[in-house]
Amino acid sequence: MREVELNGRSLLDVTEGEILALPRRTYRVEGSASGGMGCVVFASLTDDPANGLVSNLPRRLALKIPKTKSGALRSELQKWSLLLHENILPLEEILFSSQDGPVAASRRYNGSVRDLLNSTAFTEKAAYGVVRSCAEALRYVFEKHAVENTIDPIFVAHLAKSVGGK
């Protein structure tokens, strides 16, 4: 894991417009949000990579700071980093903050599933596509044994096929 340098501060304390020095790149904070799992800081790449080096981190970034700091968190993040599927948001990097512990860095996209569901243009056909995509991603995760088997994988496979999946 790479260290997130914030001079001993927490990512939870950053403000909009502030510059974050992440591994080999600098990002400008665009905002944050919080929910049941924790806090997310949204940031965009500034024009100048730090030290003139190139990083694998994307131009638009979501830094996810989980509320729970259990010992299993690092293991869960490592599992996430190995999941390579078109319907699963990839984990770009696991960073470490001395104040926040492990921080998940992923790409940031415009909008959310909630935005899509609330859209007036959301059709029945689009709903089937969302369900199919989710079912295909779940099936992949179960095949990789990346989650506890709390949902029957046969059900997930059947759901994917019944809405037009593979």
Protein backbone atom coordinates (compact mmCIF):
# COMPACT_ATOMS: atom_id res chain seq x y z
CA MET A 1 0.00 0.00 0.00
CA ARG A 2 1.10 3.53 -0.67
CA GLU A 3 0.93 6.28 1.92
CA VAL A 4 -1.47 9.22 1.50
CA GLU A 5 0.41 12.28 2.73
CA LEU A 6 -1.83 14.85 4.39
CA ASN A 7 0.51 16.15 7.10
CA GLY A 8 -1.16 14.07 9.81
CA ARG A 9 -4.73 15.10 8.87
CA SER A 10 -7.64 12.86 8.03
CA LEU A 11 -9.16 12.71 4.55
CA LEU A 12 -12.45 13.38 6.33
CA ASP A 13 -11.18 16.90 7.07
CA VAL A 14 -10.31 17.97 3.52
CA THR A 15 -12.28 20.83 1.99
CA GLU A 16 -13.49 21.54 -1.53
CA GLY A 17 -10.72 23.06 -3.65
CA GLU A 18 -7.94 21.68 -1.46
CA ILE A 19 -5.01 19.97 -3.20
CA LEU A 20 -4.25 16.36 -2.23
CA ALA A 21 -0.78 14.95 -2.84
CA LEU A 22 -1.37 11.31 -3.72
CA PRO A 23 1.29 8.88 -4.94
CA ARG A 24 3.06 10.69 -7.83
CA ARG A 25 0.01 12.86 -8.62
CA THR A 26 -1.87 15.79 -7.19
CA TYR A 27 -5.67 16.05 -7.09
CA ARG A 28 -8.08 18.88 -6.36
CA VAL A 29 -10.95 17.98 -3.98
CA GLU A 30 -14.35 18.49 -5.65
CA GLY A 31 -16.53 17.41 -2.74
CA SER A 32 -17.45 14.55 -0.48
CA ALA A 33 -20.38 12.39 0.54
CA SER A 34 -21.14 9.98 3.33
CA GLY A 35 -23.34 6.96 3.64
CA GLY A 36 -23.76 3.69 5.45
CA MET A 37 -20.33 2.35 4.54
CA GLY A 38 -18.31 5.49 5.22
CA CYS A 39 -17.17 8.64 3.46
CA VAL A 40 -16.12 9.29 -0.14
CA VAL A 41 -13.90 12.17 -1.24
CA PHE A 42 -14.25 13.13 -4.91
CA ALA A 43 -11.20 14.60 -6.64
CA SER A 44 -9.86 15.44 -10.12
CA LEU A 45 -6.30 15.40 -11.36
CA THR A 46 -4.55 18.75 -11.42
CA ASP A 47 -2.61 19.66 -14.56
CA ASP A 48 0.79 18.76 -13.13
CA PRO A 49 1.73 15.24 -11.99
CA ALA A 50 3.81 15.49 -8.82
CA ASN A 51 7.54 15.19 -9.55
CA GLY A 52 6.76 14.88 -13.29
CA LEU A 53 6.05 11.15 -12.89
CA VAL A 54 3.07 9.26 -14.22
CA SER A 55 0.82 7.18 -11.96
CA ASN A 56 -1.77 4.53 -12.74
CA LEU A 57 -4.42 6.53 -10.87
CA PRO A 58 -7.19 7.91 -13.13
CA ARG A 59 -8.02 11.58 -13.85
CA ARG A 60 -11.23 11.49 -11.76
CA LEU A 61 -11.00 9.67 -8.47
CA ALA A 62 -13.22 8.54 -5.60
CA LEU A 63 -11.36 7.93 -2.33
CA LYS A 64 -13.45 5.67 -0.10
CA ILE A 65 -12.82 5.81 3.63
CA PRO A 66 -14.73 2.99 5.39
CA LYS A 67 -16.32 3.62 8.80
CA THR A 68 -15.26 0.21 10.06
CA LYS A 69 -11.54 -0.36 10.51
CA SER A 70 -11.68 -4.11 11.07
CA GLY A 71 -8.76 -6.41 10.39
CA ALA A 72 -10.73 -7.96 7.54
CA LEU A 73 -10.90 -4.63 5.66
CA ARG A 74 -7.47 -4.97 4.05
CA SER A 75 -8.34 -8.52 2.94
CA GLU A 76 -11.65 -7.32 1.46
CA LEU A 77 -9.88 -4.53 -0.44
CA GLN A 78 -7.32 -6.99 -1.79
CA LYS A 79 -10.12 -9.27 -3.00
CA TRP A 80 -11.79 -6.31 -4.68
CA SER A 81 -8.55 -5.40 -6.44
CA LEU A 82 -8.49 -8.86 -8.08
CA LEU A 83 -12.03 -8.65 -9.48
CA LEU A 84 -11.74 -7.85 -13.17
CA HIS A 85 -15.20 -7.72 -14.75
CA GLU A 86 -16.87 -5.13 -16.96
CA ASN A 87 -19.78 -4.74 -14.51
CA ILE A 88 -17.63 -4.27 -11.39
CA LEU A 89 -16.04 -0.92 -10.61
CA PRO A 90 -12.30 -1.67 -10.46
CA LEU A 91 -10.25 -0.81 -7.41
CA GLU A 92 -7.35 1.19 -8.83
CA GLU A 93 -5.19 1.22 -5.74
CA ILE A 94 -5.22 0.70 -1.98
CA LEU A 95 -3.75 3.73 -0.25
CA PHE A 96 -2.96 4.14 3.44
CA SER A 97 -3.53 7.22 5.54
CA SER A 98 -2.01 7.39 9.02
CA GLN A 99 -5.27 8.93 10.28
CA ASP A 100 -7.80 6.90 8.23
CA GLY A 101 -6.14 3.54 7.67
CA PRO A 102 -6.74 1.77 4.32
CA VAL A 103 -8.36 3.96 1.66
CA ALA A 104 -9.86 2.52 -1.54
CA ALA A 105 -9.08 4.54 -4.67
CA SER A 106 -11.40 3.92 -7.63
CA ARG A 107 -12.43 5.73 -10.79
CA ARG A 108 -15.14 8.32 -10.48
CA TYR A 109 -18.02 8.37 -12.92
CA ASN A 110 -20.77 10.95 -13.39
CA GLY A 111 -24.00 9.97 -11.71
CA SER A 112 -24.95 6.89 -9.75
CA VAL A 113 -27.32 3.95 -9.96
CA ARG A 114 -29.75 6.03 -7.89
CA ASP A 115 -29.57 8.81 -10.51
CA LEU A 116 -30.34 6.27 -13.22
CA LEU A 117 -33.29 4.80 -11.32
CA ASN A 118 -34.75 8.26 -10.69
CA SER A 119 -34.35 9.32 -14.33
CA THR A 120 -37.55 9.95 -16.27
CA ALA A 121 -35.89 8.26 -19.26
CA PHE A 122 -35.41 5.01 -17.32
CA THR A 123 -37.36 2.41 -19.29
CA GLU A 124 -38.32 -1.19 -18.60
CA LYS A 125 -35.67 -2.28 -21.10
CA ALA A 126 -33.05 -0.25 -19.21
CA ALA A 127 -34.22 -1.86 -15.94
CA TYR A 128 -33.64 -5.33 -17.41
CA GLY A 129 -30.16 -4.22 -18.46
CA VAL A 130 -29.31 -3.04 -14.94
CA VAL A 131 -30.61 -6.26 -13.37
CA ARG A 132 -28.76 -8.38 -15.94
CA SER A 133 -25.50 -6.47 -15.38
CA CYS A 134 -25.79 -6.82 -11.61
CA ALA A 135 -26.59 -10.53 -11.88
CA GLU A 136 -23.64 -11.16 -14.21
CA ALA A 137 -21.32 -9.31 -11.82
CA LEU A 138 -22.64 -11.28 -8.83
CA ARG A 139 -22.18 -14.56 -10.69
CA TYR A 140 -18.58 -13.60 -11.48
CA VAL A 141 -17.90 -12.71 -7.84
CA PHE A 142 -19.33 -16.03 -6.64
CA GLU A 143 -17.30 -17.96 -9.22
CA LYS A 144 -14.16 -16.24 -7.92
CA HIS A 145 -15.20 -17.10 -4.33
CA ALA A 146 -14.67 -13.47 -3.40
CA VAL A 147 -17.67 -13.17 -1.09
CA GLU A 148 -19.39 -15.26 1.53
CA ASN A 149 -22.05 -17.44 -0.02
CA THR A 150 -25.08 -15.68 1.46
CA ILE A 151 -27.00 -15.74 -1.85
CA ASP A 152 -27.48 -18.96 -3.77
CA PRO A 153 -25.15 -18.77 -6.84
CA ILE A 154 -27.57 -20.96 -8.82
CA PHE A 155 -30.25 -18.30 -8.26
CA VAL A 156 -27.85 -15.58 -9.46
CA ALA A 157 -26.96 -17.54 -12.61
CA HIS A 158 -30.64 -18.21 -13.29
CA LEU A 159 -31.49 -14.53 -12.77
CA ALA A 160 -28.78 -13.46 -15.23
CA LYS A 161 -30.02 -15.89 -17.87
CA SER A 162 -33.69 -15.05 -17.34
CA VAL A 163 -33.11 -11.38 -18.14
CA GLY A 164 -31.05 -12.05 -21.23
CA GLY A 165 -27.60 -12.68 -19.79
CA LYS A 166 -25.06 -15.33 -20.76
